């Protein structure tokens, strides 16, 4: 028997789905990571980043699937920043202390973003007694405790999350397809038609019960987006299954 699914929208005029950072470049994946979406859910629930126990429970007790309607158009933001020379003897406690150092250097950094991103997400409980019922999470999404955004604080949502509790779909891909066809974003879909990627993709946790038997995985990917300790920005590797939906499926 399939679990109920909580579906919601992830639409933004500008977003950043952070990949592992190398040097001064902050790249963006083409779709949100699991850690980013669970972080958004945690913000709705009012979970503090430093609450390691609550964050670990959120990461362990819920599965996630993502319908990738449009990855959006990538663009890069270049900017300069002043930083003091590195020294093992000096540790600056604040940004003001850094700027007060006598030996400032200028560095160039790059941050990647995407415009016009459109994804739909489905969340489900992995056990019979999760800490937060899906209905409780849906209520929190209607009135978030903290500000919600996609990747960075400069990336607010373009549409409401509009949570919907699906009690009838046989699996996560079916719940996402039903949301895509008849959800509150359907009227908005026509204006986004030029941005839609084809074919549609579903990226989800490896969970056979939630995956269903009608669709076979197109491929699997390994991503470092499973929260281990959010307060320390530590993430583990995770296997993600990608399913391909044909046009009109």
C-alpha atoms as a PDB file:
ATOM      1  CA  UNK A   1       0.000   0.000   0.000  1.00  0.00           C
ATOM      2  CA  UNK A   2       1.435   3.378  -1.004  1.00  0.00           C
ATOM      3  CA  UNK A   3       1.775   6.167   1.576  1.00  0.00           C
ATOM      4  CA  UNK A   4       0.017   9.529   1.227  1.00  0.00           C
ATOM      5  CA  UNK A   5       2.031  12.230  -0.497  1.00  0.00           C
ATOM      6  CA  UNK A   6       2.337  15.932   0.226  1.00  0.00           C
ATOM      7  CA  UNK A   7       2.890  17.814  -3.033  1.00  0.00           C
ATOM      8  CA  UNK A   8       3.986  21.451  -3.301  1.00  0.00           C
ATOM      9  CA  UNK A   9       5.411  23.897  -5.842  1.00  0.00           C
ATOM     10  CA  UNK A  10       8.963  25.203  -6.146  1.00  0.00           C
ATOM     11  CA  UNK A  11       8.723  28.087  -8.609  1.00  0.00           C
ATOM     12  CA  UNK A  12      11.005  31.122  -8.522  1.00  0.00           C
ATOM     13  CA  UNK A  13      12.114  33.881 -10.896  1.00  0.00           C
ATOM     14  CA  UNK A  14      15.678  33.291  -9.691  1.00  0.00           C
ATOM     15  CA  UNK A  15      17.160  30.349  -7.770  1.00  0.00           C
ATOM     16  CA  UNK A  16      20.466  28.750  -6.853  1.00  0.00           C
ATOM     17  CA  UNK A  17      20.795  25.020  -6.177  1.00  0.00           C
ATOM     18  CA  UNK A  18      24.258  24.866  -4.658  1.00  0.00           C
ATOM     19  CA  UNK A  19      26.676  22.214  -5.846  1.00  0.00           C
ATOM     20  CA  UNK A  20      29.851  21.457  -3.836  1.00  0.00           C
ATOM     21  CA  UNK A  21      31.884  24.681  -3.835  1.00  0.00           C
ATOM     22  CA  UNK A  22      35.412  24.780  -5.229  1.00  0.00           C
ATOM     23  CA  UNK A  23      37.557  27.855  -4.586  1.00  0.00           C
ATOM     24  CA  UNK A  24      35.796  31.139  -5.248  1.00  0.00           C
ATOM     25  CA  UNK A  25      33.159  29.599  -7.550  1.00  0.00           C
ATOM     26  CA  UNK A  26      29.718  28.609  -6.245  1.00  0.00           C
ATOM     27  CA  UNK A  27      28.041  26.505  -8.924  1.00  0.00           C
ATOM     28  CA  UNK A  28      24.350  25.584  -9.179  1.00  0.00           C
ATOM     29  CA  UNK A  29      22.784  22.229  -9.963  1.00  0.00           C
ATOM     30  CA  UNK A  30      19.978  22.106 -12.511  1.00  0.00           C
ATOM     31  CA  UNK A  31      17.469  21.035  -9.842  1.00  0.00           C
ATOM     32  CA  UNK A  32      17.134  21.462  -6.075  1.00  0.00           C
ATOM     33  CA  UNK A  33      19.038  19.114  -3.812  1.00  0.00           C
ATOM     34  CA  UNK A  34      17.407  17.084  -1.084  1.00  0.00           C
ATOM     35  CA  UNK A  35      19.102  19.201   1.591  1.00  0.00           C
ATOM     36  CA  UNK A  36      17.737  22.424   0.050  1.00  0.00           C
ATOM     37  CA  UNK A  37      14.131  21.192   0.002  1.00  0.00           C
ATOM     38  CA  UNK A  38      14.323  19.736   3.512  1.00  0.00           C
ATOM     39  CA  UNK A  39      15.831  23.037   4.622  1.00  0.00           C
ATOM     40  CA  UNK A  40      12.817  24.840   3.178  1.00  0.00           C
ATOM     41  CA  UNK A  41      10.482  22.413   4.986  1.00  0.00           C
ATOM     42  CA  UNK A  42      12.421  22.987   8.199  1.00  0.00           C
ATOM     43  CA  UNK A  43      12.082  26.756   7.747  1.00  0.00           C
ATOM     44  CA  UNK A  44       8.319  26.382   7.427  1.00  0.00           C
ATOM     45  CA  UNK A  45       8.249  24.318  10.636  1.00  0.00           C
ATOM     46  CA  UNK A  46      10.430  26.830  12.460  1.00  0.00           C
ATOM     47  CA  UNK A  47      13.397  24.497  13.000  1.00  0.00           C
ATOM     48  CA  UNK A  48      16.609  26.241  13.954  1.00  0.00           C
ATOM     49  CA  UNK A  49      19.695  25.279  11.958  1.00  0.00           C
ATOM     50  CA  UNK A  50      21.488  24.530  15.240  1.00  0.00           C
ATOM     51  CA  UNK A  51      18.784  22.033  16.337  1.00  0.00           C
ATOM     52  CA  UNK A  52      20.729  18.993  15.172  1.00  0.00           C
ATOM     53  CA  UNK A  53      18.244  16.465  16.606  1.00  0.00           C
ATOM     54  CA  UNK A  54      15.233  17.949  14.803  1.00  0.00           C
ATOM     55  CA  UNK A  55      17.187  18.410  11.570  1.00  0.00           C
ATOM     56  CA  UNK A  56      18.398  14.794  11.695  1.00  0.00           C
ATOM     57  CA  UNK A  57      14.826  13.572  12.255  1.00  0.00           C
ATOM     58  CA  UNK A  58      13.602  15.543   9.249  1.00  0.00           C
ATOM     59  CA  UNK A  59      16.362  14.069   7.071  1.00  0.00           C
ATOM     60  CA  UNK A  60      15.731  10.494   8.226  1.00  0.00           C
ATOM     61  CA  UNK A  61      11.940  10.206   8.406  1.00  0.00           C
ATOM     62  CA  UNK A  62      10.791  11.605   5.044  1.00  0.00           C
ATOM     63  CA  UNK A  63      11.239  10.604   1.414  1.00  0.00           C
ATOM     64  CA  UNK A  64      11.357  13.077  -1.439  1.00  0.00           C
ATOM     65  CA  UNK A  65      10.574  13.096  -5.156  1.00  0.00           C
ATOM     66  CA  UNK A  66      10.930  15.979  -7.591  1.00  0.00           C
ATOM     67  CA  UNK A  67       9.220  16.613 -10.932  1.00  0.00           C
ATOM     68  CA  UNK A  68      11.604  18.718 -13.016  1.00  0.00           C
ATOM     69  CA  UNK A  69       9.435  20.837 -15.294  1.00  0.00           C
ATOM     70  CA  UNK A  70      12.041  23.474 -16.135  1.00  0.00           C
ATOM     71  CA  UNK A  71      15.663  23.762 -15.049  1.00  0.00           C
ATOM     72  CA  UNK A  72      15.635  27.421 -16.010  1.00  0.00           C
ATOM     73  CA  UNK A  73      18.317  29.491 -17.714  1.00  0.00           C
ATOM     74  CA  UNK A  74      21.748  29.667 -16.025  1.00  0.00           C
ATOM     75  CA  UNK A  75      23.597  32.916 -15.442  1.00  0.00           C
ATOM     76  CA  UNK A  76      26.616  33.938 -13.375  1.00  0.00           C
ATOM     77  CA  UNK A  77      27.116  36.795 -10.925  1.00  0.00           C
ATOM     78  CA  UNK A  78      30.664  38.097 -10.619  1.00  0.00           C
ATOM     79  CA  UNK A  79      31.626  40.324  -7.727  1.00  0.00           C
ATOM     80  CA  UNK A  80      34.640  41.387  -5.718  1.00  0.00           C
ATOM     81  CA  UNK A  81      35.218  41.155  -1.990  1.00  0.00           C
ATOM     82  CA  UNK A  82      37.901  42.424   0.339  1.00  0.00           C
ATOM     83  CA  UNK A  83      39.567  39.895   2.647  1.00  0.00           C
ATOM     84  CA  UNK A  84      42.643  40.099   4.883  1.00  0.00           C
ATOM     85  CA  UNK A  85      45.723  38.007   4.241  1.00  0.00           C
ATOM     86  CA  UNK A  86      45.489  34.570   5.825  1.00  0.00           C
ATOM     87  CA  UNK A  87      47.393  33.993   9.040  1.00  0.00           C
ATOM     88  CA  UNK A  88      47.449  31.094  11.472  1.00  0.00           C
ATOM     89  CA  UNK A  89      47.996  33.528  14.347  1.00  0.00           C
ATOM     90  CA  UNK A  90      44.966  35.738  13.685  1.00  0.00           C
ATOM     91  CA  UNK A  91      41.316  34.697  13.700  1.00  0.00           C
ATOM     92  CA  UNK A  92      38.761  37.373  12.816  1.00  0.00           C
ATOM     93  CA  UNK A  93      35.511  36.904  14.733  1.00  0.00           C
ATOM     94  CA  UNK A  94      33.388  39.248  12.608  1.00  0.00           C
ATOM     95  CA  UNK A  95      33.248  40.725   9.131  1.00  0.00           C
ATOM     96  CA  UNK A  96      33.916  44.144  10.652  1.00  0.00           C
ATOM     97  CA  UNK A  97      37.139  42.806  12.155  1.00  0.00           C
ATOM     98  CA  UNK A  98      38.188  41.470   8.755  1.00  0.00           C
ATOM     99  CA  UNK A  99      37.646  44.861   7.108  1.00  0.00           C
ATOM    100  CA  UNK A 100      39.605  46.593   9.865  1.00  0.00           C
ATOM    101  CA  UNK A 101      42.739  44.542   9.103  1.00  0.00           C
ATOM    102  CA  UNK A 102      45.578  46.598   7.591  1.00  0.00           C
ATOM    103  CA  UNK A 103      46.437  44.147   4.800  1.00  0.00           C
ATOM    104  CA  UNK A 104      43.254  43.804   2.736  1.00  0.00           C
ATOM    105  CA  UNK A 105      43.259  41.966  -0.588  1.00  0.00           C
ATOM    106  CA  UNK A 106      40.618  41.942  -3.319  1.00  0.00           C
ATOM    107  CA  UNK A 107      39.331  38.621  -4.666  1.00  0.00           C
ATOM    108  CA  UNK A 108      36.961  37.868  -7.522  1.00  0.00           C
ATOM    109  CA  UNK A 109      34.212  35.327  -6.866  1.00  0.00           C
ATOM    110  CA  UNK A 110      31.474  33.816  -9.039  1.00  0.00           C
ATOM    111  CA  UNK A 111      28.020  32.600  -7.999  1.00  0.00           C
ATOM    112  CA  UNK A 112      25.786  30.741 -10.424  1.00  0.00           C
ATOM    113  CA  UNK A 113      22.004  31.167 -10.537  1.00  0.00           C
ATOM    114  CA  UNK A 114      19.077  30.003 -12.670  1.00  0.00           C
ATOM    115  CA  UNK A 115      16.133  32.064 -13.847  1.00  0.00           C
ATOM    116  CA  UNK A 116      12.632  30.726 -14.431  1.00  0.00           C
ATOM    117  CA  UNK A 117      13.000  27.465 -12.503  1.00  0.00           C
ATOM    118  CA  UNK A 118       9.902  25.329 -12.050  1.00  0.00           C
ATOM    119  CA  UNK A 119       9.767  22.107 -10.038  1.00  0.00           C
ATOM    120  CA  UNK A 120       7.097  20.193  -8.141  1.00  0.00           C
ATOM    121  CA  UNK A 121       7.955  18.175  -5.044  1.00  0.00           C
ATOM    122  CA  UNK A 122       6.329  15.237  -3.250  1.00  0.00           C
ATOM    123  CA  UNK A 123       7.100  14.376   0.358  1.00  0.00           C
ATOM    124  CA  UNK A 124       6.103  11.201   2.202  1.00  0.00           C
ATOM    125  CA  UNK A 125       6.726   9.676   5.636  1.00  0.00           C
ATOM    126  CA  UNK A 126       9.024   6.664   5.701  1.00  0.00           C
ATOM    127  CA  UNK A 127       7.449   5.177   8.812  1.00  0.00           C
ATOM    128  CA  UNK A 128       4.032   4.874  10.468  1.00  0.00           C
ATOM    129  CA  UNK A 129       4.667   7.492  13.159  1.00  0.00           C
ATOM    130  CA  UNK A 130       6.758  10.415  11.854  1.00  0.00           C
ATOM    131  CA  UNK A 131       7.525  13.323  14.162  1.00  0.00           C
ATOM    132  CA  UNK A 132       5.492  15.697  11.973  1.00  0.00           C
ATOM    133  CA  UNK A 133       2.368  14.502  10.221  1.00  0.00           C
ATOM    134  CA  UNK A 134       2.106  15.544   6.579  1.00  0.00           C
ATOM    135  CA  UNK A 135      -0.959  17.602   7.452  1.00  0.00           C
ATOM    136  CA  UNK A 136       1.126  19.472  10.049  1.00  0.00           C
ATOM    137  CA  UNK A 137       3.828  20.184   7.467  1.00  0.00           C
ATOM    138  CA  UNK A 138       1.169  21.374   5.011  1.00  0.00           C
ATOM    139  CA  UNK A 139      -0.208  23.773   7.604  1.00  0.00           C
ATOM    140  CA  UNK A 140       3.308  25.106   8.260  1.00  0.00           C
ATOM    141  CA  UNK A 141       3.783  25.700   4.532  1.00  0.00           C
ATOM    142  CA  UNK A 142       0.631  27.825   4.524  1.00  0.00           C
ATOM    143  CA  UNK A 143       2.120  30.042   7.246  1.00  0.00           C
ATOM    144  CA  UNK A 144       5.918  29.527   7.400  1.00  0.00           C
ATOM    145  CA  UNK A 145       7.730  30.321  10.625  1.00  0.00           C
ATOM    146  CA  UNK A 146      10.793  31.565   8.744  1.00  0.00           C
ATOM    147  CA  UNK A 147      11.190  33.203   5.335  1.00  0.00           C
ATOM    148  CA  UNK A 148      11.280  30.682   2.484  1.00  0.00           C
ATOM    149  CA  UNK A 149      13.527  30.981  -0.560  1.00  0.00           C
ATOM    150  CA  UNK A 150      15.203  28.777  -3.172  1.00  0.00           C
ATOM    151  CA  UNK A 151      18.896  28.513  -2.439  1.00  0.00           C
ATOM    152  CA  UNK A 152      19.785  31.999  -1.255  1.00  0.00           C
ATOM    153  CA  UNK A 153      17.956  34.753   0.573  1.00  0.00           C
ATOM    154  CA  UNK A 154      18.002  36.814  -2.624  1.00  0.00           C
ATOM    155  CA  UNK A 155      15.849  34.134  -4.333  1.00  0.00           C
ATOM    156  CA  UNK A 156      12.242  34.430  -3.040  1.00  0.00           C
ATOM    157  CA  UNK A 157       9.497  32.145  -4.274  1.00  0.00           C
ATOM    158  CA  UNK A 158       7.548  33.287  -7.320  1.00  0.00           C
ATOM    159  CA  UNK A 159       4.430  31.277  -6.435  1.00  0.00           C
ATOM    160  CA  UNK A 160       3.063  29.972  -3.117  1.00  0.00           C
ATOM    161  CA  UNK A 161       4.111  26.479  -2.068  1.00  0.00           C
ATOM    162  CA  UNK A 162       0.392  25.595  -2.201  1.00  0.00           C
ATOM    163  CA  UNK A 163       0.704  22.262  -0.317  1.00  0.00           C
ATOM    164  CA  UNK A 164      -1.758  19.506  -1.215  1.00  0.00           C
ATOM    165  CA  UNK A 165      -2.200  16.188   0.582  1.00  0.00           C
ATOM    166  CA  UNK A 166      -2.663  13.432  -2.013  1.00  0.00           C
ATOM    167  CA  UNK A 167      -4.292  10.338  -0.497  1.00  0.00           C
ATOM    168  CA  UNK A 168      -5.106   8.518  -3.728  1.00  0.00           C
ATOM    169  CA  UNK A 169      -2.060   8.326  -6.021  1.00  0.00           C
ATOM    170  CA  UNK A 170      -0.411   4.935  -6.272  1.00  0.00           C
ATOM    171  CA  UNK A 171       3.151   6.269  -6.133  1.00  0.00           C
ATOM    172  CA  UNK A 172       5.222   9.450  -6.056  1.00  0.00           C
ATOM    173  CA  UNK A 173       5.506   9.882  -9.868  1.00  0.00           C
ATOM    174  CA  UNK A 174       1.721   9.537 -10.160  1.00  0.00           C
ATOM    175  CA  UNK A 175       1.189  12.118  -7.404  1.00  0.00           C
ATOM    176  CA  UNK A 176       3.521  14.540  -9.182  1.00  0.00           C
ATOM    177  CA  UNK A 177       1.854  13.993 -12.561  1.00  0.00           C
ATOM    178  CA  UNK A 178      -1.568  14.603 -11.005  1.00  0.00           C
ATOM    179  CA  UNK A 179      -0.277  17.809  -9.436  1.00  0.00           C
ATOM    180  CA  UNK A 180       1.272  18.915 -12.736  1.00  0.00           C
ATOM    181  CA  UNK A 181      -1.960  18.277 -14.670  1.00  0.00           C
ATOM    182  CA  UNK A 182      -4.479  19.714 -12.231  1.00  0.00           C
ATOM    183  CA  UNK A 183      -2.658  21.661  -9.530  1.00  0.00           C
ATOM    184  CA  UNK A 184      -2.949  25.411  -8.933  1.00  0.00           C
ATOM    185  CA  UNK A 185       0.078  25.938 -11.201  1.00  0.00           C
ATOM    186  CA  UNK A 186      -1.795  24.505 -14.222  1.00  0.00           C
ATOM    187  CA  UNK A 187      -3.170  27.919 -15.184  1.00  0.00           C
ATOM    188  CA  UNK A 188       0.333  29.303 -14.909  1.00  0.00           C
ATOM    189  CA  UNK A 189       1.763  26.547 -17.095  1.00  0.00           C
ATOM    190  CA  UNK A 190       0.806  28.147 -20.409  1.00  0.00           C
ATOM    191  CA  UNK A 191       2.980  31.192 -19.761  1.00  0.00           C
ATOM    192  CA  UNK A 192       5.887  28.889 -18.870  1.00  0.00           C
ATOM    193  CA  UNK A 193       5.469  26.557 -21.846  1.00  0.00           C
ATOM    194  CA  UNK A 194       8.488  27.982 -23.620  1.00  0.00           C
ATOM    195  CA  UNK A 195      10.666  27.197 -20.595  1.00  0.00           C
ATOM    196  CA  UNK A 196       9.554  23.603 -20.111  1.00  0.00           C
ATOM    197  CA  UNK A 197      12.102  20.873 -20.611  1.00  0.00           C
ATOM    198  CA  UNK A 198      11.091  17.742 -22.502  1.00  0.00           C
ATOM    199  CA  UNK A 199      10.780  15.013 -21.551  1.00  0.00           C
ATOM    200  CA  UNK A 200       9.800  15.605 -17.932  1.00  0.00           C
ATOM    201  CA  UNK A 201      12.030  13.990 -15.340  1.00  0.00           C
ATOM    202  CA  UNK A 202      11.271  12.678 -11.869  1.00  0.00           C
ATOM    203  CA  UNK A 203      14.263  12.579  -9.502  1.00  0.00           C
ATOM    204  CA  UNK A 204      13.611  10.763  -6.236  1.00  0.00           C
ATOM    205  CA  UNK A 205      14.993   8.780  -3.338  1.00  0.00           C
ATOM    206  CA  UNK A 206      15.541   5.079  -3.920  1.00  0.00           C
ATOM    207  CA  UNK A 207      12.259   3.831  -2.457  1.00  0.00           C
ATOM    208  CA  UNK A 208      10.582   1.037  -4.399  1.00  0.00           C
ATOM    209  CA  UNK A 209       7.219   1.445  -2.649  1.00  0.00           C
ATOM    210  CA  UNK A 210       7.066   5.147  -3.516  1.00  0.00           C
ATOM    211  CA  UNK A 211       8.569   4.659  -6.968  1.00  0.00           C
ATOM    212  CA  UNK A 212       5.861   2.294  -8.189  1.00  0.00           C
ATOM    213  CA  UNK A 213       6.131  -0.548 -10.662  1.00  0.00           C
ATOM    214  CA  UNK A 214       5.034   1.138 -13.896  1.00  0.00           C
ATOM    215  CA  UNK A 215       8.129   3.283 -14.464  1.00  0.00           C
ATOM    216  CA  UNK A 216      11.661   1.978 -14.747  1.00  0.00           C
ATOM    217  CA  UNK A 217      14.625   4.129 -13.689  1.00  0.00           C
ATOM    218  CA  UNK A 218      16.376   5.842 -16.581  1.00  0.00           C
ATOM    219  CA  UNK A 219      19.553   6.219 -14.515  1.00  0.00           C
ATOM    220  CA  UNK A 220      20.809   6.757 -10.984  1.00  0.00           C
ATOM    221  CA  UNK A 221      22.997   9.600  -9.772  1.00  0.00           C
ATOM    222  CA  UNK A 222      25.081  10.189  -6.664  1.00  0.00           C
ATOM    223  CA  UNK A 223      24.731  13.575  -5.002  1.00  0.00           C
ATOM    224  CA  UNK A 224      26.212  15.006  -1.823  1.00  0.00           C
ATOM    225  CA  UNK A 225      22.979  16.459  -0.465  1.00  0.00           C
ATOM    226  CA  UNK A 226      21.896  14.222   2.406  1.00  0.00           C
ATOM    227  CA  UNK A 227      22.089  16.348   5.581  1.00  0.00           C
ATOM    228  CA  UNK A 228      24.400  14.907   8.221  1.00  0.00           C
ATOM    229  CA  UNK A 229      24.821  17.953  10.472  1.00  0.00           C
ATOM    230  CA  UNK A 230      23.252  21.107   9.102  1.00  0.00           C
ATOM    231  CA  UNK A 231      24.707  23.422  11.739  1.00  0.00           C
ATOM    232  CA  UNK A 232      28.212  22.493  10.517  1.00  0.00           C
ATOM    233  CA  UNK A 233      27.232  22.361   6.809  1.00  0.00           C
ATOM    234  CA  UNK A 234      28.083  18.640   6.592  1.00  0.00           C
ATOM    235  CA  UNK A 235      26.351  16.472   3.972  1.00  0.00           C
ATOM    236  CA  UNK A 236      26.618  12.804   2.984  1.00  0.00           C
ATOM    237  CA  UNK A 237      26.465  11.140  -0.411  1.00  0.00           C
ATOM    238  CA  UNK A 238      23.042   9.907  -1.561  1.00  0.00           C
ATOM    239  CA  UNK A 239      21.854   7.829  -4.498  1.00  0.00           C
ATOM    240  CA  UNK A 240      19.011   9.387  -6.473  1.00  0.00           C
ATOM    241  CA  UNK A 241      16.917   7.620  -9.115  1.00  0.00           C
ATOM    242  CA  UNK A 242      15.917   9.538 -12.248  1.00  0.00           C
ATOM    243  CA  UNK A 243      12.788   8.454 -14.172  1.00  0.00           C
ATOM    244  CA  UNK A 244      11.781   9.781 -17.554  1.00  0.00           C
ATOM    245  CA  UNK A 245       8.142  10.658 -18.263  1.00  0.00           C
ATOM    246  CA  UNK A 246       7.014  10.706 -21.867  1.00  0.00           C
ATOM    247  CA  UNK A 247       5.106  13.628 -23.335  1.00  0.00           C
ATOM    248  CA  UNK A 248       1.470  13.466 -22.279  1.00  0.00           C
ATOM    249  CA  UNK A 249       2.087  10.738 -19.683  1.00  0.00           C
END
